Amino acid sequence: MKIIERLSAWLKDESSTEKLALTVALGVVLGVFPFFGIPTILCGLAAAVWRLNFPALQLVNYFAYPLQIALLWPFARLGGALFGASHPLQGLTGLSLIALRTTAAWLCFAIPAALILYFAVHRLLRWQRTRASVGFLS
């Protein structure tokens, strides 16, 4: 019962709902960055810059891991389409170009996805907060 009371009090705080929404949005978007290991570093930097809860951000990042694997190929294809890759690239230079194109495709996805996720989660948390203040959760 104590957990429900703490959750209810936490959801009533406006600043914590904004930070939680930002944590979820950044955790998912940074978690699908198309190179393994880099999302953990990016999440650490985001937590430091925006003073977010680092363990919560990493937890969302880890939950996004299957999505990272699923989106790796689409990001690579989109990157090739954005830059008009018509022939296979070989060698270290080719690998660097593929990495750059894939990162550019992720950026095209990341900014709108982060905004949509932030506003959706923030709205959901505000709705839950009003619901909790009415007495459903407490």
N, C-alpha and C. Protein backbone atom coordinates (compact mmCIF):
# COMPACT_ATOMS: atom_id res chain seq x y z
N MET A 1 0.82 -1.19 0.00
CA MET A 1 0.00 0.00 0.00
C MET A 1 0.86 1.25 0.00
N LYS A 2 2.01 1.18 0.62
CA LYS A 2 2.91 2.33 0.68
C LYS A 2 3.40 2.72 -0.71
N ILE A 3 3.59 1.74 -1.58
CA ILE A 3 4.05 2.03 -2.94
C ILE A 3 3.01 2.83 -3.69
N ILE A 4 1.74 2.48 -3.54
CA ILE A 4 0.67 3.20 -4.23
C ILE A 4 0.59 4.64 -3.74
N GLU A 5 0.77 4.84 -2.43
CA GLU A 5 0.75 6.21 -1.87
C GLU A 5 1.90 7.03 -2.41
N ARG A 6 3.08 6.44 -2.48
CA ARG A 6 4.25 7.17 -3.01
C ARG A 6 4.08 7.48 -4.48
N LEU A 7 3.54 6.51 -5.24
CA LEU A 7 3.31 6.73 -6.67
C LEU A 7 2.28 7.84 -6.87
N SER A 8 1.24 7.83 -6.06
CA SER A 8 0.20 8.85 -6.15
C SER A 8 0.76 10.24 -5.86
N ALA A 9 1.57 10.36 -4.82
CA ALA A 9 2.18 11.64 -4.47
C ALA A 9 3.16 12.09 -5.56
N TRP A 10 3.86 11.14 -6.13
CA TRP A 10 4.83 11.47 -7.17
C TRP A 10 4.14 11.96 -8.43
N LEU A 11 3.02 11.34 -8.79
CA LEU A 11 2.29 11.75 -9.99
C LEU A 11 1.62 13.11 -9.84
N LYS A 12 1.37 13.53 -8.61
CA LYS A 12 0.76 14.83 -8.37
C LYS A 12 1.74 15.98 -8.59
N ASP A 13 3.01 15.69 -8.56
CA ASP A 13 4.04 16.71 -8.75
C ASP A 13 4.25 16.96 -10.24
N GLU A 14 3.95 18.18 -10.69
CA GLU A 14 4.02 18.52 -12.12
C GLU A 14 5.43 18.37 -12.69
N SER A 15 6.45 18.81 -11.94
CA SER A 15 7.81 18.74 -12.46
C SER A 15 8.26 17.30 -12.65
N SER A 16 7.82 16.40 -11.78
CA SER A 16 8.24 15.01 -11.94
C SER A 16 7.56 14.35 -13.15
N THR A 17 6.33 14.77 -13.47
CA THR A 17 5.69 14.19 -14.65
C THR A 17 6.40 14.64 -15.92
N GLU A 18 6.85 15.89 -15.94
CA GLU A 18 7.61 16.37 -17.11
C GLU A 18 8.93 15.62 -17.24
N LYS A 19 9.62 15.44 -16.13
CA LYS A 19 10.90 14.73 -16.18
C LYS A 19 10.70 13.26 -16.55
N LEU A 20 9.64 12.65 -16.03
CA LEU A 20 9.38 11.25 -16.37
C LEU A 20 9.03 11.11 -17.85
N ALA A 21 8.24 12.02 -18.37
CA ALA A 21 7.90 11.99 -19.80
C ALA A 21 9.16 12.17 -20.64
N LEU A 22 10.03 13.08 -20.22
CA LEU A 22 11.29 13.29 -20.95
C LEU A 22 12.17 12.05 -20.84
N THR A 23 12.19 11.43 -19.69
CA THR A 23 12.98 10.21 -19.48
C THR A 23 12.52 9.10 -20.42
N VAL A 24 11.22 8.89 -20.50
CA VAL A 24 10.69 7.84 -21.37
C VAL A 24 10.97 8.15 -22.83
N ALA A 25 10.71 9.40 -23.24
CA ALA A 25 10.91 9.77 -24.65
C ALA A 25 12.38 9.63 -25.05
N LEU A 26 13.28 10.17 -24.24
CA LEU A 26 14.70 10.07 -24.57
C LEU A 26 15.21 8.64 -24.46
N GLY A 27 14.72 7.90 -23.49
CA GLY A 27 15.16 6.51 -23.34
C GLY A 27 14.82 5.67 -24.56
N VAL A 28 13.62 5.85 -25.09
CA VAL A 28 13.21 5.08 -26.27
C VAL A 28 13.98 5.56 -27.51
N VAL A 29 14.01 6.87 -27.71
CA VAL A 29 14.64 7.39 -28.93
C VAL A 29 16.15 7.15 -28.94
N LEU A 30 16.80 7.40 -27.82
CA LEU A 30 18.24 7.13 -27.77
C LEU A 30 18.51 5.63 -27.74
N GLY A 31 17.58 4.86 -27.21
CA GLY A 31 17.74 3.41 -27.15
C GLY A 31 17.70 2.72 -28.50
N VAL A 32 17.13 3.37 -29.50
CA VAL A 32 17.09 2.76 -30.83
C VAL A 32 18.19 3.32 -31.73
N PHE A 33 19.14 4.05 -31.16
CA PHE A 33 20.29 4.50 -31.96
C PHE A 33 20.92 3.28 -32.60
N PRO A 34 21.22 3.34 -33.90
CA PRO A 34 21.54 2.11 -34.65
C PRO A 34 22.91 1.48 -34.42
N PHE A 35 23.63 1.84 -33.37
CA PHE A 35 24.92 1.22 -33.11
C PHE A 35 24.97 0.74 -31.67
N PHE A 36 25.29 -0.51 -31.48
CA PHE A 36 25.27 -1.14 -30.17
C PHE A 36 26.29 -0.50 -29.23
N GLY A 37 25.85 -0.24 -28.00
CA GLY A 37 26.72 0.34 -26.99
C GLY A 37 26.61 1.85 -26.90
N ILE A 38 26.35 2.49 -28.00
CA ILE A 38 26.26 3.95 -28.03
C ILE A 38 25.04 4.48 -27.27
N PRO A 39 23.88 3.82 -27.31
CA PRO A 39 22.73 4.34 -26.56
C PRO A 39 22.99 4.50 -25.06
N THR A 40 23.77 3.61 -24.48
CA THR A 40 24.08 3.72 -23.05
C THR A 40 24.85 5.00 -22.77
N ILE A 41 25.80 5.32 -23.62
CA ILE A 41 26.58 6.55 -23.48
C ILE A 41 25.69 7.77 -23.70
N LEU A 42 24.87 7.72 -24.73
CA LEU A 42 23.96 8.84 -25.01
C LEU A 42 22.97 9.07 -23.88
N CYS A 43 22.46 7.99 -23.30
CA CYS A 43 21.53 8.12 -22.17
C CYS A 43 22.24 8.71 -20.95
N GLY A 44 23.47 8.32 -20.73
CA GLY A 44 24.24 8.91 -19.62
C GLY A 44 24.45 10.40 -19.81
N LEU A 45 24.77 10.80 -21.03
CA LEU A 45 24.93 12.22 -21.32
C LEU A 45 23.62 12.97 -21.16
N ALA A 46 22.53 12.39 -21.65
CA ALA A 46 21.21 13.03 -21.54
C ALA A 46 20.81 13.18 -20.07
N ALA A 47 21.08 12.17 -19.27
CA ALA A 47 20.75 12.24 -17.85
C ALA A 47 21.54 13.35 -17.16
N ALA A 48 22.79 13.52 -17.55
CA ALA A 48 23.61 14.56 -16.94
C ALA A 48 23.17 15.95 -17.40
N VAL A 49 22.87 16.10 -18.68
CA VAL A 49 22.51 17.42 -19.21
C VAL A 49 21.15 17.88 -18.68
N TRP A 50 20.15 16.98 -18.70
CA TRP A 50 18.79 17.37 -18.31
C TRP A 50 18.46 16.98 -16.87
N ARG A 51 19.47 16.50 -16.13
CA ARG A 51 19.29 16.10 -14.72
C ARG A 51 18.12 15.13 -14.55
N LEU A 52 18.18 14.07 -15.35
CA LEU A 52 17.15 13.04 -15.31
C LEU A 52 17.61 11.88 -14.43
N ASN A 53 16.67 11.04 -14.06
CA ASN A 53 16.96 9.87 -13.26
C ASN A 53 17.70 8.86 -14.15
N PHE A 54 18.98 8.69 -13.91
CA PHE A 54 19.81 7.84 -14.76
C PHE A 54 19.36 6.38 -14.77
N PRO A 55 19.07 5.77 -13.61
CA PRO A 55 18.61 4.37 -13.66
C PRO A 55 17.30 4.20 -14.44
N ALA A 56 16.38 5.15 -14.29
CA ALA A 56 15.11 5.06 -15.03
C ALA A 56 15.36 5.20 -16.53
N LEU A 57 16.24 6.11 -16.89
CA LEU A 57 16.57 6.32 -18.31
C LEU A 57 17.22 5.07 -18.89
N GLN A 58 18.12 4.46 -18.15
CA GLN A 58 18.76 3.23 -18.63
C GLN A 58 17.76 2.08 -18.72
N LEU A 59 16.82 2.03 -17.79
CA LEU A 59 15.81 0.98 -17.83
C LEU A 59 14.97 1.08 -19.11
N VAL A 60 14.56 2.29 -19.45
CA VAL A 60 13.79 2.50 -20.69
C VAL A 60 14.68 2.16 -21.89
N ASN A 61 15.93 2.55 -21.83
CA ASN A 61 16.88 2.25 -22.89
C ASN A 61 16.99 0.73 -23.09
N TYR A 62 17.08 -0.02 -22.02
CA TYR A 62 17.20 -1.48 -22.14
C TYR A 62 15.91 -2.11 -22.67
N PHE A 63 14.77 -1.55 -22.29
CA PHE A 63 13.52 -2.06 -22.83
C PHE A 63 13.38 -1.77 -24.32
N ALA A 64 14.07 -0.73 -24.79
CA ALA A 64 14.03 -0.37 -26.22
C ALA A 64 15.00 -1.21 -27.05
N TYR A 65 15.80 -2.03 -26.42
CA TYR A 65 16.81 -2.80 -27.14
C TYR A 65 16.24 -3.68 -28.26
N PRO A 66 15.14 -4.41 -28.05
CA PRO A 66 14.59 -5.19 -29.18
C PRO A 66 14.16 -4.30 -30.34
N LEU A 67 13.68 -3.13 -30.02
CA LEU A 67 13.30 -2.17 -31.06
C LEU A 67 14.53 -1.66 -31.81
N GLN A 68 15.64 -1.52 -31.11
CA GLN A 68 16.89 -1.12 -31.76
C GLN A 68 17.30 -2.14 -32.81
N ILE A 69 17.21 -3.41 -32.45
CA ILE A 69 17.57 -4.47 -33.39
C ILE A 69 16.61 -4.47 -34.57
N ALA A 70 15.32 -4.31 -34.29
CA ALA A 70 14.31 -4.34 -35.35
C ALA A 70 14.45 -3.16 -36.31
N LEU A 71 14.91 -2.02 -35.82
CA LEU A 71 15.01 -0.82 -36.67
C LEU A 71 16.36 -0.64 -37.33
N LEU A 72 17.31 -1.50 -37.05
CA LEU A 72 18.65 -1.34 -37.63
C LEU A 72 18.62 -1.40 -39.16
N TRP A 73 17.96 -2.39 -39.71
CA TRP A 73 17.89 -2.53 -41.16
C TRP A 73 17.09 -1.39 -41.80
N PRO A 74 15.91 -1.02 -41.27
CA PRO A 74 15.19 0.12 -41.86
C PRO A 74 15.98 1.43 -41.83
N PHE A 75 16.73 1.66 -40.76
CA PHE A 75 17.56 2.88 -40.72
C PHE A 75 18.65 2.83 -41.79
N ALA A 76 19.25 1.67 -41.97
CA ALA A 76 20.28 1.54 -43.00
C ALA A 76 19.69 1.75 -44.40
N ARG A 77 18.51 1.18 -44.64
CA ARG A 77 17.85 1.35 -45.94
C ARG A 77 17.44 2.80 -46.18
N LEU A 78 16.88 3.43 -45.14
CA LEU A 78 16.48 4.83 -45.25
C LEU A 78 17.69 5.72 -45.49
N GLY A 79 18.78 5.42 -44.81
CA GLY A 79 20.01 6.19 -45.03
C GLY A 79 20.51 6.06 -46.46
N GLY A 80 20.42 4.85 -47.00
CA GLY A 80 20.81 4.66 -48.41
C GLY A 80 19.90 5.42 -49.35
N ALA A 81 18.60 5.43 -49.03
CA ALA A 81 17.65 6.16 -49.88
C ALA A 81 17.83 7.67 -49.78
N LEU A 82 18.16 8.15 -48.59
CA LEU A 82 18.37 9.60 -48.42
C LEU A 82 19.55 10.12 -49.22
N PHE A 83 20.60 9.31 -49.28
CA PHE A 83 21.82 9.76 -49.95
C PHE A 83 22.02 9.12 -51.32
N GLY A 84 21.03 8.39 -51.80
CA GLY A 84 21.09 7.84 -53.14
C GLY A 84 22.17 6.80 -53.34
N ALA A 85 22.33 5.90 -52.40
CA ALA A 85 23.33 4.84 -52.54
C ALA A 85 22.85 3.85 -53.60
N SER A 86 23.59 3.77 -54.69
CA SER A 86 23.17 2.89 -55.77
C SER A 86 24.07 1.66 -55.92
N HIS A 87 25.27 1.72 -55.40
CA HIS A 87 26.17 0.58 -55.53
C HIS A 87 26.67 0.18 -54.14
N PRO A 88 27.03 -1.08 -53.98
CA PRO A 88 27.51 -1.53 -52.66
C PRO A 88 28.85 -0.89 -52.32
N LEU A 89 28.98 -0.48 -51.08
CA LEU A 89 30.21 0.14 -50.61
C LEU A 89 31.10 -0.92 -49.98
N GLN A 90 32.40 -0.81 -50.22
CA GLN A 90 33.32 -1.81 -49.70
C GLN A 90 34.43 -1.12 -48.93
N GLY A 91 35.03 -1.88 -48.04
CA GLY A 91 36.17 -1.39 -47.30
C GLY A 91 35.76 -0.52 -46.12
N LEU A 92 36.77 0.05 -45.48
CA LEU A 92 36.55 0.89 -44.30
C LEU A 92 35.82 2.18 -44.65
N THR A 93 36.13 2.74 -45.81
CA THR A 93 35.44 3.95 -46.24
C THR A 93 33.96 3.68 -46.47
N GLY A 94 33.66 2.56 -47.09
CA GLY A 94 32.27 2.18 -47.32
C GLY A 94 31.52 1.97 -46.01
N LEU A 95 32.17 1.32 -45.06
CA LEU A 95 31.55 1.09 -43.75
C LEU A 95 31.30 2.41 -43.03
N SER A 96 32.23 3.34 -43.14
CA SER A 96 32.06 4.67 -42.53
C SER A 96 30.90 5.41 -43.17
N LEU A 97 30.76 5.31 -44.48
CA LEU A 97 29.64 5.98 -45.16
C LEU A 97 28.30 5.36 -44.78
N ILE A 98 28.27 4.05 -44.66
CA ILE A 98 27.03 3.38 -44.24
C ILE A 98 26.66 3.83 -42.82
N ALA A 99 27.65 3.91 -41.94
CA ALA A 99 27.40 4.35 -40.56
C ALA A 99 26.89 5.79 -40.54
N LEU A 100 27.46 6.65 -41.33
CA LEU A 100 27.03 8.05 -41.39
C LEU A 100 25.62 8.15 -41.94
N ARG A 101 25.32 7.41 -42.99
CA ARG A 101 23.97 7.43 -43.58
C ARG A 101 22.92 6.87 -42.62
N THR A 102 23.28 5.81 -41.92
CA THR A 102 22.35 5.22 -40.96
C THR A 102 22.08 6.17 -39.80
N THR A 103 23.11 6.86 -39.35
CA THR A 103 22.94 7.86 -38.29
C THR A 103 22.07 9.01 -38.76
N ALA A 104 22.24 9.45 -39.98
CA ALA A 104 21.39 10.51 -40.53
C ALA A 104 19.93 10.08 -40.60
N ALA A 105 19.70 8.83 -40.98
CA ALA A 105 18.33 8.31 -41.02
C ALA A 105 17.73 8.26 -39.62
N TRP A 106 18.54 7.86 -38.63
CA TRP A 106 18.07 7.84 -37.25
C TRP A 106 17.70 9.25 -36.78
N LEU A 107 18.50 10.23 -37.16
CA LEU A 107 18.20 11.62 -36.78
C LEU A 107 16.88 12.09 -37.37
N CYS A 108 16.61 11.68 -38.60
CA CYS A 108 15.32 12.04 -39.22
C CYS A 108 14.15 11.45 -38.45
N PHE A 109 14.36 10.29 -37.84
CA PHE A 109 13.34 9.63 -37.04
C PHE A 109 13.31 10.17 -35.61
N ALA A 110 14.47 10.43 -35.03
CA ALA A 110 14.60 10.69 -33.60
C ALA A 110 13.89 11.96 -33.14
N ILE A 111 14.05 13.02 -33.86
CA ILE A 111 13.50 14.30 -33.40
C ILE A 111 11.96 14.26 -33.37
N PRO A 112 11.29 13.88 -34.47
CA PRO A 112 9.82 13.81 -34.38
C PRO A 112 9.34 12.75 -33.39
N ALA A 113 10.02 11.61 -33.33
CA ALA A 113 9.60 10.55 -32.42
C ALA A 113 9.73 10.99 -30.97
N ALA A 114 10.80 11.69 -30.64
CA ALA A 114 10.99 12.17 -29.27
C ALA A 114 9.91 13.16 -28.89
N LEU A 115 9.58 14.06 -29.79
CA LEU A 115 8.52 15.04 -29.51
C LEU A 115 7.17 14.37 -29.32
N ILE A 116 6.84 13.45 -30.21
CA ILE A 116 5.55 12.75 -30.11
C ILE A 116 5.48 11.94 -28.82
N LEU A 117 6.54 11.20 -28.52
CA LEU A 117 6.56 10.40 -27.29
C LEU A 117 6.47 11.27 -26.05
N TYR A 118 7.22 12.37 -26.04
CA TYR A 118 7.20 13.25 -24.87
C TYR A 118 5.79 13.77 -24.61
N PHE A 119 5.15 14.32 -25.63
CA PHE A 119 3.82 14.89 -25.43
C PHE A 119 2.78 13.81 -25.10
N ALA A 120 2.90 12.64 -25.69
CA ALA A 120 1.95 11.57 -25.40
C ALA A 120 2.11 11.07 -23.97
N VAL A 121 3.34 10.83 -23.55
CA VAL A 121 3.57 10.33 -22.19
C VAL A 121 3.22 11.41 -21.16
N HIS A 122 3.57 12.66 -21.46
CA HIS A 122 3.25 13.75 -20.54
C HIS A 122 1.74 13.89 -20.36
N ARG A 123 1.03 13.80 -21.46
CA ARG A 123 -0.44 13.90 -21.39
C ARG A 123 -1.02 12.72 -20.60
N LEU A 124 -0.49 11.52 -20.84
CA LEU A 124 -0.94 10.34 -20.11
C LEU A 124 -0.67 10.48 -18.61
N LEU A 125 0.49 10.97 -18.26
CA LEU A 125 0.82 11.15 -16.85
C LEU A 125 -0.03 12.23 -16.20
N ARG A 126 -0.31 13.31 -16.92
CA ARG A 126 -1.19 14.35 -16.38
C ARG A 126 -2.60 13.81 -16.18
N TRP A 127 -3.07 13.00 -17.12
CA TRP A 127 -4.38 12.38 -16.98
C TRP A 127 -4.40 11.47 -15.76
N GLN A 128 -3.33 10.70 -15.59
CA GLN A 128 -3.24 9.81 -14.44
C GLN A 128 -3.18 10.61 -13.15
N ARG A 129 -2.51 11.75 -13.18
CA ARG A 129 -2.41 12.60 -11.99
C ARG A 129 -3.78 13.13 -11.59
N THR A 130 -4.56 13.59 -12.57
CA THR A 130 -5.90 14.09 -12.25
C THR A 130 -6.79 12.95 -11.78
N ARG A 131 -6.62 11.80 -12.36
CA ARG A 131 -7.38 10.63 -11.94
C ARG A 131 -7.02 10.25 -10.51
N ALA A 132 -5.75 10.36 -10.17
CA ALA A 132 -5.30 10.03 -8.81
C ALA A 132 -5.81 11.05 -7.80
N SER A 133 -5.88 12.31 -8.22
CA SER A 133 -6.36 13.34 -7.29
C SER A 133 -7.85 13.20 -7.01
N VAL A 134 -8.59 12.60 -7.94
CA VAL A 134 -10.00 12.37 -7.73
C VAL A 134 -10.21 11.23 -6.72
N GLY A 135 -9.23 10.34 -6.62
CA GLY A 135 -9.32 9.29 -5.64
C GLY A 135 -9.29 7.88 -6.17
N PHE A 136 -9.03 7.72 -7.45
CA PHE A 136 -9.01 6.38 -8.03
C PHE A 136 -7.79 5.59 -7.58
N LEU A 137 -6.66 6.28 -7.46
CA LEU A 137 -5.42 5.58 -7.14
C LEU A 137 -5.15 5.59 -5.64
N SER A 138 -5.64 6.57 -4.92
CA SER A 138 -5.31 6.67 -3.50
C SER A 138 -6.28 5.93 -2.61
